[in-house]
Amino acid sequence: MARYSKEQRRRAAELYERYEHSAADVIRELGYPSKEALRMWHRDWLEERRTGVFVQWNCGRLSIVFQSS
């Protein structure tokens, strides 16, 4: 499984919003991720914007939680 940086996930989530939730357009532009991963990243990105806390999930398990800077 490929690992993507927080910045890569953030960029994909922002494009997902810009392209009105068109996963195909984001994947076409970036070449990654899967539709399912993009939806999860977008959900996490929205939550981070709302709370200021970055949460990362791997295989359904919480792996990292820290305050955004």
C-alpha atoms as a PDB file:
ATOM      1  CA  MET A   1       0.000   0.000   0.000  1.00  0.00           C
ATOM      2  CA  ALA A   2       1.348   3.413  -0.953  1.00  0.00           C
ATOM      3  CA  ARG A   3       1.902   6.004   1.761  1.00  0.00           C
ATOM      4  CA  TYR A   4       1.142   9.641   1.087  1.00  0.00           C
ATOM      5  CA  SER A   5       2.296  12.670   3.031  1.00  0.00           C
ATOM      6  CA  LYS A   6      -0.095  14.907   4.883  1.00  0.00           C
ATOM      7  CA  GLU A   7       0.531  17.552   2.215  1.00  0.00           C
ATOM      8  CA  GLN A   8      -0.394  15.124  -0.600  1.00  0.00           C
ATOM      9  CA  ARG A   9      -3.595  14.158   1.218  1.00  0.00           C
ATOM     10  CA  ARG A  10      -4.448  17.813   1.878  1.00  0.00           C
ATOM     11  CA  ARG A  11      -3.904  18.727  -1.784  1.00  0.00           C
ATOM     12  CA  ALA A  12      -6.147  15.892  -2.941  1.00  0.00           C
ATOM     13  CA  ALA A  13      -8.879  16.876  -0.458  1.00  0.00           C
ATOM     14  CA  GLU A  14      -8.770  20.506  -1.572  1.00  0.00           C
ATOM     15  CA  LEU A  15      -9.020  19.493  -5.231  1.00  0.00           C
ATOM     16  CA  TYR A  16     -11.928  17.203  -4.366  1.00  0.00           C
ATOM     17  CA  GLU A  17     -13.778  20.250  -3.025  1.00  0.00           C
ATOM     18  CA  ARG A  18     -12.742  22.426  -5.969  1.00  0.00           C
ATOM     19  CA  TYR A  19     -13.933  19.810  -8.463  1.00  0.00           C
ATOM     20  CA  GLU A  20     -17.292  19.510  -6.682  1.00  0.00           C
ATOM     21  CA  HIS A  21     -16.555  16.044  -5.240  1.00  0.00           C
ATOM     22  CA  SER A  22     -15.491  14.515  -8.562  1.00  0.00           C
ATOM     23  CA  ALA A  23     -13.029  11.817  -7.555  1.00  0.00           C
ATOM     24  CA  ALA A  24     -12.334  11.023 -11.212  1.00  0.00           C
ATOM     25  CA  ASP A  25     -11.124  14.590 -11.876  1.00  0.00           C
ATOM     26  CA  VAL A  26      -8.821  14.561  -8.849  1.00  0.00           C
ATOM     27  CA  ILE A  27      -7.375  11.165  -9.723  1.00  0.00           C
ATOM     28  CA  ARG A  28      -6.893  12.248 -13.351  1.00  0.00           C
ATOM     29  CA  GLU A  29      -4.953  15.338 -12.252  1.00  0.00           C
ATOM     30  CA  LEU A  30      -2.857  13.788  -9.476  1.00  0.00           C
ATOM     31  CA  GLY A  31      -2.613  10.151 -10.536  1.00  0.00           C
ATOM     32  CA  TYR A  32      -3.628   9.108  -7.025  1.00  0.00           C
ATOM     33  CA  PRO A  33      -5.452   8.027  -4.731  1.00  0.00           C
ATOM     34  CA  SER A  34      -8.326   5.564  -4.985  1.00  0.00           C
ATOM     35  CA  LYS A  35     -11.875   6.936  -4.744  1.00  0.00           C
ATOM     36  CA  GLU A  36     -12.289   5.401  -1.304  1.00  0.00           C
ATOM     37  CA  ALA A  37      -9.047   6.895   0.014  1.00  0.00           C
ATOM     38  CA  LEU A  38      -9.955  10.299  -1.394  1.00  0.00           C
ATOM     39  CA  ARG A  39     -13.301  10.280   0.381  1.00  0.00           C
ATOM     40  CA  MET A  40     -11.621   9.364   3.678  1.00  0.00           C
ATOM     41  CA  TRP A  41      -8.949  12.032   3.218  1.00  0.00           C
ATOM     42  CA  HIS A  42     -11.618  14.617   2.480  1.00  0.00           C
ATOM     43  CA  ARG A  43     -13.571  13.642   5.591  1.00  0.00           C
ATOM     44  CA  ASP A  44     -10.404  13.854   7.703  1.00  0.00           C
ATOM     45  CA  TRP A  45      -9.448  17.199   6.124  1.00  0.00           C
ATOM     46  CA  LEU A  46     -12.876  18.655   6.940  1.00  0.00           C
ATOM     47  CA  GLU A  47     -12.575  17.414  10.520  1.00  0.00           C
ATOM     48  CA  GLU A  48      -9.099  18.930  10.845  1.00  0.00           C
ATOM     49  CA  ARG A  49     -10.393  22.281   9.576  1.00  0.00           C
ATOM     50  CA  ARG A  50     -13.287  22.110  12.047  1.00  0.00           C
ATOM     51  CA  THR A  51     -11.314  21.059  15.132  1.00  0.00           C
ATOM     52  CA  GLY A  52      -7.681  21.946  14.434  1.00  0.00           C
ATOM     53  CA  VAL A  53      -6.653  18.361  15.239  1.00  0.00           C
ATOM     54  CA  PHE A  54      -5.101  16.113  12.603  1.00  0.00           C
ATOM     55  CA  VAL A  55      -6.237  12.496  12.818  1.00  0.00           C
ATOM     56  CA  GLN A  56      -4.804   9.752  10.620  1.00  0.00           C
ATOM     57  CA  TRP A  57      -6.388   6.321  10.260  1.00  0.00           C
ATOM     58  CA  ASN A  58      -4.639   3.217   8.910  1.00  0.00           C
ATOM     59  CA  CYS A  59      -6.633   0.080   8.201  1.00  0.00           C
ATOM     60  CA  GLY A  60      -9.440   1.242  10.467  1.00  0.00           C
ATOM     61  CA  ARG A  61      -7.134   1.922  13.427  1.00  0.00           C
ATOM     62  CA  LEU A  62      -6.170   5.309  14.790  1.00  0.00           C
ATOM     63  CA  SER A  63      -2.463   5.817  14.233  1.00  0.00           C
ATOM     64  CA  ILE A  64      -1.642   9.483  14.820  1.00  0.00           C
ATOM     65  CA  VAL A  65      -3.370  12.382  16.517  1.00  0.00           C
ATOM     66  CA  PHE A  66      -1.760  15.773  16.985  1.00  0.00           C
ATOM     67  CA  GLN A  67      -2.595  19.464  17.070  1.00  0.00           C
ATOM     68  CA  SER A  68      -2.335  21.180  13.675  1.00  0.00           C
ATOM     69  CA  SER A  69       0.152  23.985  13.364  1.00  0.00           C
END
